Amino acid sequence: MFRTLRITAIAFALTAAAAAQQPGPYTLVDGWGALPAGAQFGEVPGMTIDKNGKVFAFHRGSPPVVEFDASGKILKMWGENMFVWPHGIRVDRNGFLWITDGRGRDGKGQQVFKFDPAGTLVMTRGTAGVSGEGPDSFNGPTDVAVAPNGDIFVSDGHVNNRIVKFSKDGKFIKTWGKKGSGAGEFDLPHTMFFDSRGRLFVGDRSNKRIQIFDQDGTFIDQWTQFGSPSGMFIAPDDTFYVVDYNDKMGVFVGSAKDGSIKYKFEEALAEGVAVDGKGNIYVGETVPGKTKTGRVTGHIVRKLAKN
C-alpha cells in the first residue's frame, strides 16, 4: 500500500511539474505602448477599444487620452485641460466614446462626455464643477454602459453609490442604489458592462462583488469569486474579463454566462481593461508596487498577448 501511495505521489508531482512548465494562455508584451521621450503616464484607470482595434488609455497625466494601434504605436494624444480627474472611458457599439470625469474643481468636472467617432463632443451630462445627486448632477462618476437600445447607464460611485439611467438622448429616467451591502446597495460601484443578454454587470468594488441587474435596476444575482473589481470587459461571446488590484490581485478570464473562472493572470495589477477581437488584453495600472510574482507595477499600460 505504501508503495502504491508513493508511486501515486510521484505521479502527481510529475504531472504538476509538467503543468507548471506549460506556457500560459497570455504573454506580457514588455514595452508595449511607451510614451514619447519626456512624457509619462499618470494613473491609468480607464482602457477601452473600438471595433477597428484602436486602443484608448485614459490617464491622469497630460494629455489624458492616448490612442494606440495594436502594435503600441501612438496614433493621437488629446484632451489637455479638459478633465479634472480622468476616470472611465468606453466605446459603445456605435463607435461613440464615453468619458467620465470623477471630481469637480474650478468650474470643471463631475461630468460624463460623449464624443462621436470623429472626436466631436455631442453630449454632456452633469453640471460642470458641481457635486450633487440630482437628475443631472454627479459626485464621483466612474463608468458608463450603453444598452442595446441606446439607454445610458452611469455608475455614480466614488461618493454617491448609485446607478443613474438616461434615455439615449440624455433624458433622466431613474436612479437606484445607496451605500450599503444589501442587494441593490453599493460601496463604490466602479465599473459596468452589459452581457449578450442585456444584463447590467456592476463591479461593486469595496463590497468585493459583482452585482447583476436587469435594465430597470432589478437585482438578479451577485458574484464574489472575482474579488474587488475595478474594471470589467465582456466580449460578444460572454467571455468575462475582470481586473482586481486590491483583493485577489490579478486579471481574471472567465464566463459571464455562469461566473466560472478559466484563468487568472498575476503579472499585472490593473484598474482598466479592454480586449480586442483576437482576445489580446490591454490593461491600465494605477498602483506602484509589486505583483504576487514580484513584477514591479506602476503608472503604465500593458498588453497581454493571447498565445
Foldseek 3Di string as FASTA:
>chain_A
DVVVVVVVVVVVVVVVVVVVPDDDQWDWDPPAQDDDPPDDFAFFQEWEAAQVQWIWTATDGPPGIWIAHPRRDTDDGDNPPQADAWAYWYQANQGKIKTARFAADDQAHQKIWIAHNVGHTDDIFAGGRDDDDDQGHAHGWHYWEAFPQQKIWIQRFPPAFKIWIAHNVGHGDDMFEGDDQDFRHAHGFHEWYAALVQWIWTQRQVSQKIWIHHPVSHTDDIGNPLGRFQEWDADNVQFIWTAAQDGPAFIWTHGPVPPDTDDTGFQARFRYWYAHPQGKIKGAGNDFDATPVGHTYHGDMIIIHGD
